[in-house]
Amino acid sequence: FMTGCLKIPGRNSAFLTFLAMSLAIYVLVCFVDIESCLKTIRFFFSILLVLQNLDS
């Protein structure tokens, strides 16, 4: 269901592919373990903040 989103040209396509795969794995983890799911959310947001700082 994410193949349409992954066909975006440009330098971000690899990153989007990685993001989609991470999201799929993350959803599976959430079904199994809510506790580690919440930890991953905090970890993910800290990564996003770092990426935003690199861009600006």
PDB file of N, CA and C in Angstrom:
ATOM      1  N   PHE A   1       0.812  -1.199   0.000  1.00  0.00           N
ATOM      2  CA  PHE A   1       0.000   0.000   0.000  1.00  0.00           C
ATOM      3  C   PHE A   1       0.854   1.261   0.000  1.00  0.00           C
ATOM      4  N   MET A   2       2.165   1.107   0.210  1.00  0.00           N
ATOM      5  CA  MET A   2       3.041   2.274   0.255  1.00  0.00           C
ATOM      6  C   MET A   2       3.872   2.435  -1.011  1.00  0.00           C
ATOM      7  N   THR A   3       3.663   1.555  -1.999  1.00  0.00           N
ATOM      8  CA  THR A   3       4.503   1.589  -3.195  1.00  0.00           C
ATOM      9  C   THR A   3       4.319   2.886  -3.959  1.00  0.00           C
ATOM     10  N   GLY A   4       3.134   3.469  -3.924  1.00  0.00           N
ATOM     11  CA  GLY A   4       2.890   4.731  -4.614  1.00  0.00           C
ATOM     12  C   GLY A   4       3.733   5.852  -4.031  1.00  0.00           C
ATOM     13  N   CYS A   5       3.886   5.839  -2.706  1.00  0.00           N
ATOM     14  CA  CYS A   5       4.639   6.894  -2.043  1.00  0.00           C
ATOM     15  C   CYS A   5       6.138   6.750  -2.302  1.00  0.00           C
ATOM     16  N   LEU A   6       6.575   5.511  -2.568  1.00  0.00           N
ATOM     17  CA  LEU A   6       8.003   5.252  -2.688  1.00  0.00           C
ATOM     18  C   LEU A   6       8.557   5.608  -4.058  1.00  0.00           C
ATOM     19  N   LYS A   7       7.690   5.900  -5.018  1.00  0.00           N
ATOM     20  CA  LYS A   7       8.166   6.169  -6.371  1.00  0.00           C
ATOM     21  C   LYS A   7       8.410   7.654  -6.607  1.00  0.00           C
ATOM     22  N   ILE A   8       8.746   8.375  -5.540  1.00  0.00           N
ATOM     23  CA  ILE A   8       9.033   9.798  -5.662  1.00  0.00           C
ATOM     24  C   ILE A   8      10.495   9.980  -6.080  1.00  0.00           C
ATOM     25  N   PRO A   9      10.747  10.671  -7.193  1.00  0.00           N
ATOM     26  CA  PRO A   9      12.125  10.890  -7.640  1.00  0.00           C
ATOM     27  C   PRO A   9      12.856  11.881  -6.745  1.00  0.00           C
ATOM     28  N   GLY A  10      14.177  11.882  -6.823  1.00  0.00           N
ATOM     29  CA  GLY A  10      14.954  12.823  -6.028  1.00  0.00           C
ATOM     30  C   GLY A  10      15.787  12.132  -4.966  1.00  0.00           C
ATOM     31  N   ARG A  11      16.488  12.933  -4.193  1.00  0.00           N
ATOM     32  CA  ARG A  11      17.418  12.381  -3.210  1.00  0.00           C
ATOM     33  C   ARG A  11      16.688  11.823  -1.999  1.00  0.00           C
ATOM     34  N   ASN A  12      15.415  12.170  -1.839  1.00  0.00           N
ATOM     35  CA  ASN A  12      14.675  11.741  -0.656  1.00  0.00           C
ATOM     36  C   ASN A  12      14.024  10.373  -0.822  1.00  0.00           C
ATOM     37  N   SER A  13      14.095   9.794  -2.032  1.00  0.00           N
ATOM     38  CA  SER A  13      13.398   8.532  -2.284  1.00  0.00           C
ATOM     39  C   SER A  13      13.942   7.407  -1.407  1.00  0.00           C
ATOM     40  N   ALA A  14      15.254   7.336  -1.252  1.00  0.00           N
ATOM     41  CA  ALA A  14      15.854   6.301  -0.412  1.00  0.00           C
ATOM     42  C   ALA A  14      15.442   6.500   1.043  1.00  0.00           C
ATOM     43  N   PHE A  15      15.404   7.752   1.467  1.00  0.00           N
ATOM     44  CA  PHE A  15      15.013   8.056   2.843  1.00  0.00           C
ATOM     45  C   PHE A  15      13.558   7.686   3.079  1.00  0.00           C
ATOM     46  N   LEU A  16      12.700   7.955   2.087  1.00  0.00           N
ATOM     47  CA  LEU A  16      11.280   7.619   2.211  1.00  0.00           C
ATOM     48  C   LEU A  16      11.088   6.111   2.260  1.00  0.00           C
ATOM     49  N   THR A  17      11.880   5.386   1.470  1.00  0.00           N
ATOM     50  CA  THR A  17      11.815   3.925   1.498  1.00  0.00           C
ATOM     51  C   THR A  17      12.187   3.414   2.884  1.00  0.00           C
ATOM     52  N   PHE A  18      13.265   3.959   3.425  1.00  0.00           N
ATOM     53  CA  PHE A  18      13.707   3.597   4.770  1.00  0.00           C
ATOM     54  C   PHE A  18      12.637   3.927   5.800  1.00  0.00           C
ATOM     55  N   LEU A  19      12.011   5.087   5.632  1.00  0.00           N
ATOM     56  CA  LEU A  19      10.983   5.533   6.560  1.00  0.00           C
ATOM     57  C   LEU A  19       9.779   4.598   6.527  1.00  0.00           C
ATOM     58  N   ALA A  20       9.380   4.191   5.322  1.00  0.00           N
ATOM     59  CA  ALA A  20       8.231   3.296   5.172  1.00  0.00           C
ATOM     60  C   ALA A  20       8.514   1.933   5.793  1.00  0.00           C
ATOM     61  N   MET A  21       9.728   1.420   5.579  1.00  0.00           N
ATOM     62  CA  MET A  21      10.101   0.133   6.168  1.00  0.00           C
ATOM     63  C   MET A  21      10.133   0.228   7.685  1.00  0.00           C
ATOM     64  N   SER A  22      10.690   1.324   8.189  1.00  0.00           N
ATOM     65  CA  SER A  22      10.749   1.527   9.637  1.00  0.00           C
ATOM     66  C   SER A  22       9.348   1.584  10.226  1.00  0.00           C
ATOM     67  N   LEU A  23       8.455   2.260   9.514  1.00  0.00           N
ATOM     68  CA  LEU A  23       7.080   2.402   9.975  1.00  0.00           C
ATOM     69  C   LEU A  23       6.389   1.043  10.036  1.00  0.00           C
ATOM     70  N   ALA A  24       6.622   0.210   9.033  1.00  0.00           N
ATOM     71  CA  ALA A  24       6.007  -1.116   8.992  1.00  0.00           C
ATOM     72  C   ALA A  24       6.501  -1.973  10.155  1.00  0.00           C
ATOM     73  N   ILE A  25       7.814  -1.957  10.386  1.00  0.00           N
ATOM     74  CA  ILE A  25       8.392  -2.705  11.503  1.00  0.00           C
ATOM     75  C   ILE A  25       7.861  -2.171  12.826  1.00  0.00           C
ATOM     76  N   TYR A  26       7.770  -0.829  12.897  1.00  0.00           N
ATOM     77  CA  TYR A  26       7.317  -0.164  14.113  1.00  0.00           C
ATOM     78  C   TYR A  26       5.890  -0.555  14.469  1.00  0.00           C
ATOM     79  N   VAL A  27       5.018  -0.635  13.459  1.00  0.00           N
ATOM     80  CA  VAL A  27       3.625  -1.029  13.689  1.00  0.00           C
ATOM     81  C   VAL A  27       3.564  -2.456  14.219  1.00  0.00           C
ATOM     82  N   LEU A  28       4.399  -3.336  13.668  1.00  0.00           N
ATOM     83  CA  LEU A  28       4.444  -4.718  14.148  1.00  0.00           C
ATOM     84  C   LEU A  28       4.883  -4.762  15.606  1.00  0.00           C
ATOM     85  N   VAL A  29       5.897  -3.974  15.944  1.00  0.00           N
ATOM     86  CA  VAL A  29       6.391  -3.928  17.323  1.00  0.00           C
ATOM     87  C   VAL A  29       5.301  -3.439  18.265  1.00  0.00           C
ATOM     88  N   CYS A  30       4.520  -2.455  17.799  1.00  0.00           N
ATOM     89  CA  CYS A  30       3.460  -1.889  18.632  1.00  0.00           C
ATOM     90  C   CYS A  30       2.410  -2.938  18.989  1.00  0.00           C
ATOM     91  N   PHE A  31       2.111  -3.817  18.020  1.00  0.00           N
ATOM     92  CA  PHE A  31       1.130  -4.865  18.296  1.00  0.00           C
ATOM     93  C   PHE A  31       1.652  -5.823  19.360  1.00  0.00           C
ATOM     94  N   VAL A  32       2.963  -6.051  19.357  1.00  0.00           N
ATOM     95  CA  VAL A  32       3.546  -7.021  20.273  1.00  0.00           C
ATOM     96  C   VAL A  32       3.846  -6.392  21.633  1.00  0.00           C
ATOM     97  N   ASP A  33       4.433  -5.204  21.612  1.00  0.00           N
ATOM     98  CA  ASP A  33       4.957  -4.620  22.849  1.00  0.00           C
ATOM     99  C   ASP A  33       4.709  -3.112  22.882  1.00  0.00           C
ATOM    100  N   ILE A  34       3.709  -2.701  23.659  1.00  0.00           N
ATOM    101  CA  ILE A  34       3.364  -1.281  23.751  1.00  0.00           C
ATOM    102  C   ILE A  34       4.464  -0.487  24.462  1.00  0.00           C
ATOM    103  N   GLU A  35       5.107  -1.095  25.440  1.00  0.00           N
ATOM    104  CA  GLU A  35       6.125  -0.394  26.229  1.00  0.00           C
ATOM    105  C   GLU A  35       7.294   0.069  25.361  1.00  0.00           C
ATOM    106  N   SER A  36       7.855  -0.855  24.583  1.00  0.00           N
ATOM    107  CA  SER A  36       8.968  -0.490  23.707  1.00  0.00           C
ATOM    108  C   SER A  36       8.484   0.414  22.582  1.00  0.00           C
ATOM    109  N   CYS A  37       7.186   0.311  22.266  1.00  0.00           N
ATOM    110  CA  CYS A  37       6.577   1.165  21.257  1.00  0.00           C
ATOM    111  C   CYS A  37       6.681   2.624  21.677  1.00  0.00           C
ATOM    112  N   LEU A  38       6.355   2.909  22.941  1.00  0.00           N
ATOM    113  CA  LEU A  38       6.408   4.275  23.445  1.00  0.00           C
ATOM    114  C   LEU A  38       7.841   4.789  23.514  1.00  0.00           C
ATOM    115  N   LYS A  39       8.777   3.900  23.863  1.00  0.00           N
ATOM    116  CA  LYS A  39      10.186   4.297  23.885  1.00  0.00           C
ATOM    117  C   LYS A  39      10.647   4.661  22.482  1.00  0.00           C
ATOM    118  N   THR A  40      10.193   3.898  21.497  1.00  0.00           N
ATOM    119  CA  THR A  40      10.594   4.142  20.113  1.00  0.00           C
ATOM    120  C   THR A  40      10.067   5.482  19.628  1.00  0.00           C
ATOM    121  N   ILE A  41       8.876   5.876  20.104  1.00  0.00           N
ATOM    122  CA  ILE A  41       8.317   7.172  19.717  1.00  0.00           C
ATOM    123  C   ILE A  41       9.243   8.298  20.172  1.00  0.00           C
ATOM    124  N   ARG A  42       9.706   8.234  21.411  1.00  0.00           N
ATOM    125  CA  ARG A  42      10.607   9.272  21.919  1.00  0.00           C
ATOM    126  C   ARG A  42      11.912   9.279  21.134  1.00  0.00           C
ATOM    127  N   PHE A  43      12.434   8.085  20.846  1.00  0.00           N
ATOM    128  CA  PHE A  43      13.671   7.948  20.082  1.00  0.00           C
ATOM    129  C   PHE A  43      13.508   8.525  18.683  1.00  0.00           C
ATOM    130  N   PHE A  44      12.354   8.237  18.060  1.00  0.00           N
ATOM    131  CA  PHE A  44      12.074   8.693  16.705  1.00  0.00           C
ATOM    132  C   PHE A  44      11.985  10.216  16.640  1.00  0.00           C
ATOM    133  N   PHE A  45      11.327  10.811  17.644  1.00  0.00           N
ATOM    134  CA  PHE A  45      11.191  12.263  17.651  1.00  0.00           C
ATOM    135  C   PHE A  45      12.540  12.948  17.865  1.00  0.00           C
ATOM    136  N   SER A  46      13.409  12.346  18.664  1.00  0.00           N
ATOM    137  CA  SER A  46      14.736  12.932  18.858  1.00  0.00           C
ATOM    138  C   SER A  46      15.534  12.889  17.559  1.00  0.00           C
ATOM    139  N   ILE A  47      15.381  11.808  16.778  1.00  0.00           N
ATOM    140  CA  ILE A  47      16.038  11.711  15.470  1.00  0.00           C
ATOM    141  C   ILE A  47      15.497  12.782  14.530  1.00  0.00           C
ATOM    142  N   LEU A  48      14.174  12.980  14.542  1.00  0.00           N
ATOM    143  CA  LEU A  48      13.566  13.999  13.687  1.00  0.00           C
ATOM    144  C   LEU A  48      14.101  15.388  14.023  1.00  0.00           C
ATOM    145  N   LEU A  49      14.268  15.671  15.308  1.00  0.00           N
ATOM    146  CA  LEU A  49      14.797  16.969  15.719  1.00  0.00           C
ATOM    147  C   LEU A  49      16.216  17.159  15.202  1.00  0.00           C
ATOM    148  N   VAL A  50      17.026  16.103  15.275  1.00  0.00           N
ATOM    149  CA  VAL A  50      18.404  16.169  14.778  1.00  0.00           C
ATOM    150  C   VAL A  50      18.419  16.424  13.277  1.00  0.00           C
ATOM    151  N   LEU A  51      17.549  15.721  12.538  1.00  0.00           N
ATOM    152  CA  LEU A  51      17.481  15.901  11.088  1.00  0.00           C
ATOM    153  C   LEU A  51      17.055  17.316  10.724  1.00  0.00           C
ATOM    154  N   GLN A  52      16.118  17.877  11.475  1.00  0.00           N
ATOM    155  CA  GLN A  52      15.672  19.243  11.208  1.00  0.00           C
ATOM    156  C   GLN A  52      16.806  20.235  11.462  1.00  0.00           C
ATOM    157  N   ASN A  53      17.594  19.982  12.497  1.00  0.00           N
ATOM    158  CA  ASN A  53      18.721  20.865  12.798  1.00  0.00           C
ATOM    159  C   ASN A  53      19.780  20.795  11.702  1.00  0.00           C
ATOM    160  N   LEU A  54      19.961  19.619  11.101  1.00  0.00           N
ATOM    161  CA  LEU A  54      20.924  19.465  10.016  1.00  0.00           C
ATOM    162  C   LEU A  54      20.460  20.206   8.770  1.00  0.00           C
ATOM    163  N   ASP A  55      19.154  20.191   8.522  1.00  0.00           N
ATOM    164  CA  ASP A  55      18.613  20.833   7.325  1.00  0.00           C
ATOM    165  C   ASP A  55      18.739  22.350   7.389  1.00  0.00           C
ATOM    166  N   SER A  56      18.474  22.925   8.549  1.00  0.00           N
ATOM    167  CA  SER A  56      18.439  24.387   8.650  1.00  0.00           C
ATOM    168  C   SER A  56      19.846  24.986   8.743  1.00  0.00           C
TER     169      SER A  56
END
